Amino acid sequence: GDPERIAATALFLVSPENDFMSGSVISIDGASMTG
């Protein structure tokens, strides 16, 4: 992902809006995850 999307994701993760998220995988690589 580009730096802006990574920063937006990081900000969401530490925001009060994210109070019920646990054990989730967040893909920020433009959906090109391999493996």
Protein backbone atom coordinates (compact mmCIF):
# COMPACT_ATOMS: atom_id res chain seq x y z
CA GLY A 1 0.00 0.00 0.00
CA ASP A 2 0.99 3.59 -0.36
CA PRO A 3 2.10 5.59 2.70
CA GLU A 4 -1.19 7.48 2.96
CA ARG A 5 -3.25 4.28 3.22
CA ILE A 6 -0.85 2.76 5.72
CA ALA A 7 -1.04 5.92 7.84
CA ALA A 8 -4.84 5.98 7.64
CA THR A 9 -5.00 2.35 8.74
CA ALA A 10 -2.63 2.98 11.64
CA LEU A 11 -4.67 5.99 12.75
CA PHE A 12 -7.87 3.94 12.63
CA LEU A 13 -6.29 1.19 14.73
CA VAL A 14 -5.45 3.62 17.54
CA SER A 15 -8.66 5.65 17.31
CA PRO A 16 -11.66 5.37 19.68
CA GLU A 17 -13.72 4.15 16.69
CA ASN A 18 -11.76 0.90 16.82
CA ASP A 19 -12.86 -0.40 20.21
CA PHE A 20 -14.23 -3.81 19.17
CA MET A 21 -11.61 -5.17 16.79
CA SER A 22 -9.51 -8.19 17.71
CA GLY A 23 -7.85 -11.01 15.85
CA SER A 24 -8.34 -9.44 12.44
CA VAL A 25 -6.04 -9.42 9.44
CA ILE A 26 -5.92 -6.05 7.72
CA SER A 27 -4.51 -6.14 4.21
CA ILE A 28 -2.89 -2.84 3.26
CA ASP A 29 -0.86 -4.13 0.33
CA GLY A 30 -3.35 -3.47 -2.45
CA ALA A 31 -4.78 -7.00 -2.22
CA SER A 32 -1.57 -8.53 -3.53
CA MET A 33 -1.00 -10.67 -0.44
CA THR A 34 0.69 -13.96 -1.29
CA GLY A 35 1.27 -17.11 0.63
